[in-house]
Amino acid sequence: MRPRVAPASGILHALQCRHRSRVMRLTMGSADMTSMFPNRHGALSKLVECAVHGSGSGAELIVVEGDSAAAAAVRVRDPRWQAVLPMQGKPLNAARASRRKVLEHSFFGPLLAAIGAGGVEADCEPRRARYDRVLVLTDPDADGIHCGFLVLLFFHRWLRPLLHAGCIEVVRPPWGEAVIAGELLLAFSEPELAVLATRARDGGGSIRRFRGLAALDADTLREFCVDPLTRRTARVSVADVATMIDVIAAVQAEQPGSD
């Protein structure tokens, strides 16, 4: 059974909020369970593999930000068909990079090798991919949104056929939780968290912001980020990424000194 997949409008809103916050600031002044091996371009990978692969297998590659997030995801994944790959720091802006630089990059090189769709650009064939889906699961904060956007830029520039085929999804992790009148409530965006914080303050409740995926308890991470029957995801299209690019370009044009 496939989970319900939401549109990507929430991602656009989060990106716009993040970059507007940056404009305001400018105006106002390793996991044991991962294994490392070199890919054919010499970059090291920390891919944690699953048992099955290939078109129609149901296999998924979950991309997370770092080793702590990878360790947490590995603990709650289904090892039969869910693989995990952590980024190595903030990703390169692959839209501006050369083919050679992308292939040799510490994260994008291993990502390409893991997906195995035959190559980049015109050589990319979704039917040859080792996974049916790639899930981008970043930390619930501004840096996580930025890292997720850079990964989507990579797919838009170098593996666009996977976007056309509906193979790329973004996971929406919870940003925090509140206990109000004995009820546990989760927020899935910065605005939702702000609303819960106000309700908690007015109602004598408590509020907690999650500091990265590793801060989520195993049950919460499994239910809302990893389990395909209950997680919240947005399938990303070529048009979605193009709109994100336009949003960021418009916001950056508002920055001081952009004229």
Foldseek 3Di string as FASTA:
>chain_A
DFADADACVVLLVQLLVLLLVVLVCVVVPADPQFDWDADPLGAIWRKAAAAAWFPPPQAEEEEEADRLLQNLCVVQADRNHYMYTHDDHQDDQQQPDDPSCQCNDNRNVVVCVQQQQQWWDPRGHNRRGGHQAYEYEYWQDSSRSNSSLSVVSNCLRIVQVCQVVLRYKYFQAWFWWKQAPNDIDTHRHPVSLVVRVVRCVVRVIDIDTQDTNSSDPSVSCNQAPHPSHHHHMHGHHSVNSVVSVVSSVVSVCPHPPND
